[in-house]
Amino acid sequence: MAESAAPASERPLTLEEKKAAARERARAAREAQQEGAGAGLSVTDDAAAYIRECADREDMAHAVRLRIHAGGCSGLEYSIDLVPQGEGAQPSERQIESNGVTVYLDLKSAIYVSGSVIDYTTSLMRRGFVIKNPNATTTCSCGDSFGV
């Protein structure tokens, strides 16, 4: 007797399904950019306050550069860096204003984080940024890396 295939939600995505999902995210990001919208990225009050606090202490702009790199437990990882005073968006970046801070994203990274929320948390076990990313299909336990 042949076994039936598990529903898509209960099995790992195939390479073709991952590629199709990536193409859909890229199409949605291009449409949002053509309409003048940002990447749908937002920064919470706590994250914005922490960014401003660190920027003031380091004499930097109230801005961060968010990048996605290959690596981490799940395949892709986040990188957030403060931006020096007077430095703006690079030609290949988009600029998003949220909650009084500026986030610079290169176009490739924008595809992966569209619709995300950048938060900052402080607890007994962890202190740092937490990115709630609706595009992530897998995440590692520490939350620093994700897969799509």
Protein backbone atom coordinates (compact mmCIF):
# COMPACT_ATOMS: atom_id res chain seq x y z
CA MET A 1 0.00 0.00 0.00
CA ALA A 2 1.44 3.37 -0.98
CA GLU A 3 1.86 6.01 1.71
CA SER A 4 0.29 9.37 1.01
CA ALA A 5 2.45 12.45 1.10
CA ALA A 6 2.25 14.52 4.28
CA PRO A 7 0.52 17.90 3.99
CA ALA A 8 2.88 20.77 3.19
CA SER A 9 2.56 22.17 6.73
CA GLU A 10 3.82 18.88 8.27
CA ARG A 11 6.82 18.19 6.04
CA PRO A 12 9.98 20.12 5.21
CA LEU A 13 9.72 22.37 2.17
CA THR A 14 11.32 21.14 -1.02
CA LEU A 15 13.95 23.21 -2.77
CA GLU A 16 11.42 24.19 -5.45
CA GLU A 17 8.91 25.31 -2.81
CA LYS A 18 11.59 27.40 -1.11
CA LYS A 19 12.54 28.99 -4.43
CA ALA A 20 8.89 29.77 -5.20
CA ALA A 21 8.46 31.37 -1.77
CA ALA A 22 11.62 33.47 -2.29
CA ARG A 23 10.36 34.62 -5.71
CA GLU A 24 7.04 35.62 -4.12
CA ARG A 25 8.80 37.61 -1.37
CA ALA A 26 10.97 39.34 -3.98
CA ARG A 27 7.89 40.20 -6.08
CA ALA A 28 6.07 41.61 -3.04
CA ALA A 29 9.13 43.68 -2.04
CA ARG A 30 9.44 45.09 -5.60
CA GLU A 31 5.74 46.01 -5.63
CA ALA A 32 6.01 47.70 -2.25
CA GLN A 33 9.06 49.65 -3.42
CA GLN A 34 7.29 50.77 -6.61
CA GLU A 35 4.33 51.96 -4.53
CA GLY A 36 6.74 53.95 -2.36
CA ALA A 37 6.21 51.77 0.68
CA GLY A 38 8.97 50.59 2.97
CA ALA A 39 9.76 46.96 3.54
CA GLY A 40 7.00 46.81 6.12
CA LEU A 41 9.62 46.76 8.85
CA SER A 42 8.85 48.34 12.23
CA VAL A 43 10.80 49.08 15.40
CA THR A 44 9.14 48.78 18.83
CA ASP A 45 9.33 51.46 21.52
CA ASP A 46 11.83 49.39 23.54
CA ALA A 47 14.11 48.76 20.56
CA ALA A 48 13.99 52.41 19.47
CA ALA A 49 14.83 53.59 23.02
CA TYR A 50 17.79 51.20 23.18
CA ILE A 51 19.07 52.27 19.75
CA ARG A 52 18.85 55.97 20.74
CA GLU A 53 20.58 55.27 24.08
CA CYS A 54 23.47 53.41 22.43
CA ALA A 55 23.75 55.94 19.61
CA ASP A 56 23.92 58.86 22.06
CA ARG A 57 26.56 57.08 24.16
CA GLU A 58 28.69 56.35 21.05
CA ASP A 59 27.99 59.72 19.35
CA MET A 60 26.32 57.96 16.44
CA ALA A 61 23.16 58.69 14.46
CA HIS A 62 19.80 57.36 15.66
CA ALA A 63 20.05 54.78 12.90
CA VAL A 64 21.00 51.14 12.39
CA ARG A 65 21.99 49.07 9.40
CA LEU A 66 20.25 45.68 9.31
CA ARG A 67 21.84 43.00 7.14
CA ILE A 68 21.14 39.35 6.51
CA HIS A 69 24.19 37.07 6.14
CA ALA A 70 24.61 33.39 5.40
CA GLY A 71 25.44 31.58 8.61
CA GLY A 72 24.11 30.64 12.01
CA CYS A 73 22.34 27.46 13.04
CA SER A 74 19.44 27.89 10.61
CA GLY A 75 21.22 29.20 7.50
CA LEU A 76 20.78 32.99 7.71
CA GLU A 77 21.61 35.38 10.52
CA TYR A 78 20.85 38.98 11.41
CA SER A 79 23.45 41.72 11.81
CA ILE A 80 22.53 45.10 13.34
CA ASP A 81 25.10 47.91 13.47
CA LEU A 82 24.89 51.54 14.53
CA VAL A 83 25.38 54.11 11.76
CA PRO A 84 27.91 56.97 12.13
CA GLN A 85 26.67 60.57 12.20
CA GLY A 86 26.17 62.03 8.74
CA GLU A 87 26.17 58.66 6.96
CA GLY A 88 23.06 57.96 4.92
CA ALA A 89 21.72 55.15 2.83
CA GLN A 90 24.06 53.58 0.29
CA PRO A 91 22.83 53.53 -3.34
CA SER A 92 21.72 49.88 -3.00
CA GLU A 93 19.86 50.43 0.29
CA ARG A 94 16.40 51.53 1.27
CA GLN A 95 15.72 53.71 4.28
CA ILE A 96 12.85 53.03 6.67
CA GLU A 97 11.79 55.38 9.46
CA SER A 98 10.09 53.76 12.43
CA ASN A 99 9.51 55.01 15.95
CA GLY A 100 12.08 57.81 15.67
CA VAL A 101 14.95 55.70 14.32
CA THR A 102 16.15 54.98 10.81
CA VAL A 103 16.80 51.46 9.56
CA TYR A 104 18.95 50.99 6.44
CA LEU A 105 18.44 47.76 4.50
CA ASP A 106 20.11 46.48 1.36
CA LEU A 107 17.57 45.17 -1.14
CA LYS A 108 18.48 41.50 -0.61
CA SER A 109 18.00 41.80 3.15
CA ALA A 110 14.72 43.68 2.68
CA ILE A 111 13.25 40.64 0.91
CA TYR A 112 13.94 38.44 3.94
CA VAL A 113 12.67 40.84 6.63
CA SER A 114 9.59 42.32 4.96
CA GLY A 115 6.85 42.57 7.58
CA SER A 116 9.23 42.04 10.50
CA VAL A 117 9.22 43.77 13.89
CA ILE A 118 12.49 44.64 15.64
CA ASP A 119 12.08 44.45 19.42
CA TYR A 120 14.48 44.66 22.35
CA THR A 121 14.07 42.43 25.37
CA THR A 122 15.69 42.18 28.78
CA SER A 123 15.21 39.05 30.88
CA LEU A 124 17.17 36.83 33.21
CA MET A 125 18.23 34.59 30.33
CA ARG A 126 18.67 37.05 27.47
CA ARG A 127 19.17 40.69 26.69
CA GLY A 128 19.18 41.93 23.13
CA PHE A 129 17.29 42.45 19.92
CA VAL A 130 14.57 40.02 18.94
CA ILE A 131 13.35 40.09 15.36
CA LYS A 132 9.85 38.75 14.84
CA ASN A 133 10.10 37.68 11.20
CA PRO A 134 6.97 36.31 9.50
CA ASN A 135 9.10 35.06 6.56
CA ALA A 136 11.16 32.67 8.71
CA THR A 137 10.16 29.05 8.31
CA THR A 138 12.75 27.87 10.86
CA THR A 139 14.64 29.59 13.67
CA CYS A 140 17.33 28.51 16.07
CA SER A 141 16.64 28.46 19.79
CA CYS A 142 18.69 31.61 20.42
CA GLY A 143 16.75 33.57 17.78
CA ASP A 144 19.87 34.93 16.09
CA SER A 145 19.44 32.91 12.90
CA PHE A 146 16.60 31.75 10.71
CA GLY A 147 15.78 29.85 7.55
CA VAL A 148 13.34 30.49 4.73
